[in-house]
Amino acid sequence: MKEIIFLVEEAEEGGFVARALGESIFTEAENLEELRNNILDAIKCHFEESELPKFVRLHMVKEEIITL
C-alpha cells in the first residue's frame, strides 16, 4: 500500500476524530499533534510491518456556519 487517507473532523465535544478511508481504523485526540501520533500508532497496530503504507494523507474537514 502506497498511501492511506484519513478524514479528520472536529468532534462535537471538542478535539478531533480521524477515520481511515477503506480501512477499519478510527482514532481521536484533544489536539492535532496528539491526533497525528494516535494515527501513526493506529496504523502500526493495524498493519504488519511489511504492509505499512508509505504515506499518510490527512483530509481536514471543517464545518463553518454563517448566520445572516
C-alpha atoms as a PDB file:
ATOM      1  CA  MET A   1       0.000   0.000   0.000  1.00  0.00           C
ATOM      2  CA  LYS A   2       1.421   3.322  -1.025  1.00  0.00           C
ATOM      3  CA  GLU A   3      -0.800   5.675   0.968  1.00  0.00           C
ATOM      4  CA  ILE A   4      -3.661   5.745   3.432  1.00  0.00           C
ATOM      5  CA  ILE A   5      -6.120   8.639   3.707  1.00  0.00           C
ATOM      6  CA  PHE A   6      -7.767   9.787   6.921  1.00  0.00           C
ATOM      7  CA  LEU A   7     -10.810  12.016   7.109  1.00  0.00           C
ATOM      8  CA  VAL A   8     -10.238  14.394  10.046  1.00  0.00           C
ATOM      9  CA  GLU A   9     -13.115  16.306  11.607  1.00  0.00           C
ATOM     10  CA  GLU A  10     -13.639  18.409  14.700  1.00  0.00           C
ATOM     11  CA  ALA A  11     -15.520  16.437  17.355  1.00  0.00           C
ATOM     12  CA  GLU A  12     -18.742  17.904  18.739  1.00  0.00           C
ATOM     13  CA  GLU A  13     -17.451  17.571  22.287  1.00  0.00           C
ATOM     14  CA  GLY A  14     -14.075  19.137  21.388  1.00  0.00           C
ATOM     15  CA  GLY A  15     -10.897  17.752  19.929  1.00  0.00           C
ATOM     16  CA  PHE A  16     -10.658  15.800  16.690  1.00  0.00           C
ATOM     17  CA  VAL A  17     -11.660  12.430  15.242  1.00  0.00           C
ATOM     18  CA  ALA A  18      -9.968  10.649  12.352  1.00  0.00           C
ATOM     19  CA  ARG A  19     -11.342   7.806  10.239  1.00  0.00           C
ATOM     20  CA  ALA A  20      -9.365   5.924   7.586  1.00  0.00           C
ATOM     21  CA  LEU A  21     -10.965   5.570   4.175  1.00  0.00           C
ATOM     22  CA  GLY A  22     -11.093   1.937   3.079  1.00  0.00           C
ATOM     23  CA  GLU A  23      -9.750   0.550   6.368  1.00  0.00           C
ATOM     24  CA  SER A  24     -11.277  -0.054   9.809  1.00  0.00           C
ATOM     25  CA  ILE A  25      -9.114   2.471  11.647  1.00  0.00           C
ATOM     26  CA  PHE A  26     -10.551   5.176  13.903  1.00  0.00           C
ATOM     27  CA  THR A  27      -8.888   7.386  16.496  1.00  0.00           C
ATOM     28  CA  GLU A  28      -9.456  10.640  18.348  1.00  0.00           C
ATOM     29  CA  ALA A  29      -7.463  13.230  20.295  1.00  0.00           C
ATOM     30  CA  GLU A  30      -7.674  16.590  22.040  1.00  0.00           C
ATOM     31  CA  ASN A  31      -5.354  18.387  19.593  1.00  0.00           C
ATOM     32  CA  LEU A  32      -3.828  17.888  16.137  1.00  0.00           C
ATOM     33  CA  GLU A  33      -0.357  16.915  17.353  1.00  0.00           C
ATOM     34  CA  GLU A  34      -1.809  14.176  19.560  1.00  0.00           C
ATOM     35  CA  LEU A  35      -4.082  13.090  16.705  1.00  0.00           C
ATOM     36  CA  ARG A  36      -1.135  12.673  14.334  1.00  0.00           C
ATOM     37  CA  ASN A  37       0.653  10.489  16.905  1.00  0.00           C
ATOM     38  CA  ASN A  38      -2.512   8.442  17.519  1.00  0.00           C
ATOM     39  CA  ILE A  39      -2.974   7.919  13.775  1.00  0.00           C
ATOM     40  CA  LEU A  40       0.586   6.613  13.403  1.00  0.00           C
ATOM     41  CA  ASP A  41       0.130   4.280  16.386  1.00  0.00           C
ATOM     42  CA  ALA A  42      -3.188   3.000  15.000  1.00  0.00           C
ATOM     43  CA  ILE A  43      -1.640   2.324  11.592  1.00  0.00           C
ATOM     44  CA  LYS A  44       1.245   0.391  13.158  1.00  0.00           C
ATOM     45  CA  CYS A  45      -1.247  -1.733  15.129  1.00  0.00           C
ATOM     46  CA  HIS A  46      -3.491  -2.349  12.112  1.00  0.00           C
ATOM     47  CA  PHE A  47      -0.886  -3.410   9.529  1.00  0.00           C
ATOM     48  CA  GLU A  48       2.000  -5.850   9.519  1.00  0.00           C
ATOM     49  CA  GLU A  49       5.335  -4.054   9.175  1.00  0.00           C
ATOM     50  CA  SER A  50       5.750  -5.257   5.584  1.00  0.00           C
ATOM     51  CA  GLU A  51       2.290  -3.830   4.691  1.00  0.00           C
ATOM     52  CA  LEU A  52       2.679  -0.351   6.204  1.00  0.00           C
ATOM     53  CA  PRO A  53       1.702   2.483   3.861  1.00  0.00           C
ATOM     54  CA  LYS A  54       4.466   4.791   2.675  1.00  0.00           C
ATOM     55  CA  PHE A  55       2.396   7.966   3.179  1.00  0.00           C
ATOM     56  CA  VAL A  56      -0.445   9.125   5.392  1.00  0.00           C
ATOM     57  CA  ARG A  57      -2.715  11.822   3.970  1.00  0.00           C
ATOM     58  CA  LEU A  58      -4.942  13.795   6.338  1.00  0.00           C
ATOM     59  CA  HIS A  59      -8.011  15.299   4.708  1.00  0.00           C
ATOM     60  CA  MET A  60      -9.122  18.041   7.111  1.00  0.00           C
ATOM     61  CA  VAL A  61     -12.842  18.838   7.082  1.00  0.00           C
ATOM     62  CA  LYS A  62     -14.021  21.968   8.825  1.00  0.00           C
ATOM     63  CA  GLU A  63     -17.645  22.924   9.025  1.00  0.00           C
ATOM     64  CA  GLU A  64     -18.486  26.576   9.452  1.00  0.00           C
ATOM     65  CA  ILE A  65     -21.908  28.151   9.776  1.00  0.00           C
ATOM     66  CA  ILE A  66     -22.500  31.764   8.817  1.00  0.00           C
ATOM     67  CA  THR A  67     -25.681  33.363  10.049  1.00  0.00           C
ATOM     68  CA  LEU A  68     -27.455  36.158   8.225  1.00  0.00           C
END
